[in-house]
Protein backbone atom coordinates (compact mmCIF):
# COMPACT_ATOMS: atom_id res chain seq x y z
CA MET A 1 108.85 97.92 78.24
CA PHE A 2 109.26 101.00 80.65
CA TYR A 3 110.49 103.64 77.93
CA PHE A 4 107.33 105.39 78.45
CA LEU A 5 108.83 106.51 82.03
CA ILE A 6 111.84 107.80 80.91
CA PRO A 7 110.52 111.43 79.67
CA THR A 8 109.01 111.68 83.42
CA LEU A 9 112.25 110.57 85.10
CA MET A 10 114.06 113.22 82.91
CA THR A 11 111.44 115.93 83.76
CA TYR A 12 111.66 115.04 87.21
CA ASN A 13 115.51 115.14 87.34
CA PHE A 14 115.33 118.44 85.58
CA VAL A 15 113.22 120.00 88.23
CA LEU A 16 115.60 118.85 90.72
CA VAL A 17 118.71 120.12 89.16
CA ALA A 18 116.73 123.73 88.43
CA ALA A 19 115.59 123.66 91.97
CA ALA A 20 119.26 123.10 93.03
CA VAL A 21 120.76 125.64 90.73
CA ILE A 22 118.36 128.55 90.48
CA PRO A 23 118.86 130.12 93.94
CA ALA A 24 122.62 130.05 93.45
CA ILE A 25 122.24 131.67 90.12
CA PHE A 26 119.96 134.39 91.46
CA LEU A 27 122.54 135.25 94.08
CA MET A 28 125.41 135.42 91.55
CA VAL A 29 123.28 137.69 89.24
CA LYS A 30 122.43 140.11 92.27
CA VAL A 31 126.02 140.26 93.21
CA TYR A 32 127.13 140.77 89.66
CA ARG A 33 124.50 143.61 89.15
CA SER A 34 125.78 145.26 92.30
CA ASP A 35 129.24 145.83 90.61
CA ARG A 36 129.21 149.39 89.47
CA LEU A 37 132.39 150.53 87.98
CA GLU A 38 133.74 147.75 85.89
CA LYS A 39 131.90 144.53 85.29
CA GLU A 40 133.94 141.20 85.33
CA SER A 41 133.98 139.30 82.04
CA GLY A 42 132.27 136.28 81.30
CA PRO A 43 134.96 134.18 81.00
CA MET A 44 136.53 135.02 84.37
CA LEU A 45 133.03 134.51 86.04
CA ARG A 46 132.76 131.25 84.44
CA ARG A 47 136.19 130.11 85.61
CA LEU A 48 135.13 131.17 89.11
CA VAL A 49 132.25 129.18 89.16
CA VAL A 50 134.20 126.20 87.84
CA ALA A 51 136.69 126.94 90.55
CA GLY A 52 133.95 126.62 93.18
CA ILE A 53 132.72 123.32 91.97
CA LEU A 54 136.23 121.98 91.76
CA SER A 55 136.91 123.26 95.33
CA SER A 56 134.02 121.03 96.71
CA LEU A 57 135.79 118.21 95.37
CA LEU A 58 139.03 119.15 96.94
CA ALA A 59 136.95 119.95 100.57
CA LEU A 60 135.46 116.58 100.20
CA VAL A 61 139.06 114.87 100.21
CA GLU A 62 140.09 117.00 103.21
CA GLU A 63 137.02 116.36 105.10
CA TRP A 64 137.31 112.53 104.41
CA ILE A 65 141.29 112.52 105.75
CA LEU A 66 140.54 114.85 108.76
CA MET A 67 137.13 112.97 109.85
CA ALA A 68 139.36 109.71 109.84
CA VAL A 69 141.90 111.20 112.24
CA LEU A 70 139.26 112.71 114.31
CA ASN A 71 137.34 109.46 114.76
CA LEU A 72 140.61 107.71 115.96
CA ALA A 73 141.38 110.84 118.54
CA LEU A 74 137.84 111.25 119.89
CA GLU A 75 134.35 109.63 120.60
CA PRO A 76 131.55 111.11 118.55
CA ASN A 77 129.16 113.30 120.53
CA GLN A 78 131.51 114.96 122.88
CA ALA A 79 131.58 118.79 122.85
CA ALA A 80 135.41 118.78 121.69
CA TYR A 81 134.45 116.30 118.86
CA ASN A 82 131.68 118.59 117.64
CA ILE A 83 133.60 121.76 117.92
CA ILE A 84 136.53 120.20 115.82
CA LEU A 85 134.13 118.61 113.39
CA TYR A 86 132.41 121.76 112.61
CA PHE A 87 134.94 124.56 113.17
CA VAL A 88 138.03 122.69 111.84
CA ILE A 89 136.93 119.83 109.57
CA VAL A 90 133.65 121.06 107.84
CA ALA A 91 134.12 124.92 107.96
CA GLY A 92 137.94 124.75 107.51
CA ALA A 93 138.00 122.32 104.60
CA GLU A 94 135.35 123.82 102.71
CA GLU A 95 136.75 127.48 103.11
CA SER A 96 140.22 126.74 102.77
CA SER A 97 139.57 124.98 99.42
CA LYS A 98 137.48 128.06 98.12
CA TYR A 99 140.36 130.10 99.23
CA ILE A 100 142.85 128.23 97.22
CA PHE A 101 140.97 128.16 94.18
CA LEU A 102 139.78 131.88 94.57
CA LYS A 103 143.34 132.86 94.60
CA LYS A 104 144.73 130.81 92.05
CA ARG A 105 142.12 131.95 89.67
CA SER A 106 142.03 135.50 90.36
CA TRP A 107 144.97 136.97 92.51
CA ASP A 108 147.09 137.87 89.48
CA SER A 109 144.68 138.68 86.93
CA PRO A 110 144.50 142.00 85.24
CA GLU A 111 140.77 142.32 85.92
CA PHE A 112 141.20 142.31 89.65
CA ASN A 113 141.46 146.17 89.68
CA CYS A 114 138.60 147.23 91.93
CA GLN A 115 137.74 147.01 95.52
CA TYR A 116 134.40 145.14 94.81
CA ASP A 117 136.15 142.91 92.56
CA GLY A 118 137.20 140.42 95.37
CA VAL A 119 133.60 140.46 96.81
CA VAL A 120 132.48 139.36 93.19
CA TYR A 121 135.32 136.80 92.73
CA ALA A 122 134.61 135.06 96.32
CA VAL A 123 130.94 134.92 95.96
CA PHE A 124 131.05 133.37 92.68
CA VAL A 125 133.36 130.83 94.03
CA SER A 126 131.36 130.10 97.02
CA LEU A 127 128.14 129.90 94.99
CA GLY A 128 129.94 127.42 92.63
CA PHE A 129 130.61 125.38 95.54
CA ALA A 130 127.14 125.65 96.91
CA LEU A 131 125.68 125.10 93.56
CA TRP A 132 127.26 121.46 93.01
CA GLU A 133 126.78 120.83 96.88
CA ASN A 134 123.11 121.55 96.34
CA ILE A 135 122.78 119.32 93.15
CA SER A 136 123.96 116.43 95.47
CA TYR A 137 121.61 117.18 98.34
CA VAL A 138 118.81 117.66 96.14
CA MET A 139 119.35 114.55 93.83
CA SER A 140 119.58 112.45 97.02
CA TYR A 141 116.70 113.86 99.23
CA GLY A 142 114.24 115.10 96.65
CA VAL A 143 112.98 118.60 95.73
CA GLY A 144 111.66 119.34 99.32
CA VAL A 145 115.27 119.98 100.56
CA ALA A 146 115.65 122.40 97.98
CA PHE A 147 113.35 125.04 99.60
CA ILE A 148 115.15 124.84 102.72
CA ARG A 149 118.44 124.87 101.22
CA ALA A 150 117.59 127.83 99.09
CA LEU A 151 116.68 129.69 102.46
CA THR A 152 119.61 128.90 104.41
CA ALA A 153 122.68 126.90 102.90
CA ILE A 154 122.82 129.05 99.37
CA PRO A 155 122.66 132.29 100.83
CA GLY A 156 124.81 131.18 103.73
CA HIS A 157 127.69 130.31 101.49
CA ALA A 158 127.21 133.67 99.69
CA CYS A 159 127.58 135.40 103.09
CA PHE A 160 130.85 133.45 103.66
CA GLY A 161 131.87 134.56 99.99
CA VAL A 162 131.03 138.11 100.95
CA LEU A 163 133.18 138.14 103.86
CA MET A 164 135.76 136.45 102.28
CA GLY A 165 135.68 138.86 99.54
CA ILE A 166 135.94 141.95 101.68
CA PHE A 167 139.25 140.76 103.29
CA TYR A 168 140.49 139.52 100.01
CA SER A 169 140.18 142.92 98.47
CA ILE A 170 141.90 144.73 101.02
CA ALA A 171 144.63 142.21 100.86
CA LYS A 172 145.04 142.75 97.24
CA LYS A 173 145.06 146.72 97.85
CA TYR A 174 147.65 146.22 100.24
CA ASP A 175 149.58 143.95 97.69
CA ARG A 176 149.27 146.63 95.03
CA GLN A 177 150.77 149.19 97.39
CA GLY A 178 153.87 147.00 98.16
CA LYS A 179 152.75 146.18 101.75
CA ALA A 180 153.48 142.52 101.96
CA GLY A 181 152.96 142.16 105.54
CA PRO A 182 149.41 143.69 105.82
CA SER A 183 148.41 141.87 102.61
CA ARG A 184 149.39 138.56 104.44
CA VAL A 185 147.46 139.46 107.44
CA PHE A 186 144.35 140.25 105.26
CA ARG A 187 144.63 137.28 103.15
CA LEU A 188 144.68 135.20 106.32
CA LEU A 189 141.65 137.04 107.84
CA ALA A 190 139.99 136.03 104.29
CA PHE A 191 140.14 132.59 105.38
CA ILE A 192 139.77 132.73 109.09
CA VAL A 193 136.44 135.15 109.06
CA PRO A 194 134.14 133.16 106.79
CA ALA A 195 135.53 129.85 108.44
CA PHE A 196 134.76 131.02 111.98
CA THR A 197 131.31 132.17 110.68
CA HIS A 198 130.66 128.99 108.53
CA GLY A 199 131.50 127.08 111.71
CA MET A 200 129.19 129.19 113.99
CA TYR A 201 126.44 128.50 111.09
CA ASP A 202 126.85 124.50 111.42
CA TYR A 203 127.51 124.16 115.14
CA ILE A 204 124.36 126.06 115.87
CA ALA A 205 122.24 124.01 113.41
CA SER A 206 123.47 120.76 115.09
CA VAL A 207 122.87 122.10 118.76
CA ASP A 208 119.92 124.10 118.35
CA THR A 209 116.76 121.58 118.36
CA GLY A 210 114.35 124.13 118.63
CA ASN A 211 115.79 126.24 115.66
CA ALA A 212 115.50 129.89 117.29
CA TYR A 213 119.05 130.57 117.98
CA PHE A 214 119.90 129.22 114.49
CA VAL A 215 117.13 131.37 112.61
CA THR A 216 118.38 134.29 114.79
CA PHE A 217 122.13 133.84 113.67
CA ILE A 218 121.22 133.30 110.05
CA ALA A 219 119.34 136.46 109.93
CA ILE A 220 121.73 138.46 111.52
CA VAL A 221 124.50 137.18 109.26
CA PHE A 222 122.08 137.63 106.27
CA VAL A 223 121.40 141.29 107.07
CA VAL A 224 125.15 142.38 108.02
CA CYS A 225 126.27 140.90 104.68
CA PHE A 226 123.38 142.58 102.52
CA ILE A 227 124.55 145.80 104.14
CA LEU A 228 128.39 145.25 103.54
CA VAL A 229 127.39 144.57 99.82
CA GLN A 230 125.61 147.34 99.56
CA LYS A 231 128.48 149.65 101.21
CA MET A 232 131.16 147.92 99.42
CA SER A 233 129.32 148.52 96.08
CA LYS A 234 128.60 152.11 96.66
CA ALA A 235 132.15 152.77 97.76
CA ASP A 236 133.94 151.02 95.17
CA LYS A 237 136.98 152.53 93.57
CA SER A 238 140.03 151.25 91.82
CA ILE A 239 143.11 149.60 93.87
């Protein structure tokens, strides 16, 4: 009886998915084209995107377990509760899951032979994560949320990926040189720096009701990461 509604519903769902996916794909293409020395292979990039999607599922499990522990330990809306929630649980779970899949998919790959490669790999994993997360948000709350997330959450995940990728590349350089100690330090920084930035992003968004501090913060992060991508791309060399 209502078969005539099916094409309309399919079109609407397609629009929602497109609105969720296009911003992430746009940023992937931008970072990919900035790779001057040696473009990464299609199969490698596809594996990284899938890794990002899988990392979002791992993060959900981590967050569910840690939230259960936090709710037993502290009352909601306390300062300590919010700090642990945004910096440890949300940012920690999401960035650690990205890093786990990033390292599993790329660390031992023979394609990982240039400094900028780490940035490409980390951004693709982060945007795979953001792409899947964005689809769930847009399908739940409608196309209106897609515009807001296209300006904030999607570029935010890309920036976290840039920060992760820079330290990840340095770690790989030291690993190639046989310097295990410095390599471990920079692998740790590849998690800590984006996790802290991610935590600041979420925490400021939660407490800044006027949005002025949040807009200022994300503008600074976006500009800094854009400059870093440009510099890393121009200074790219074999490792």
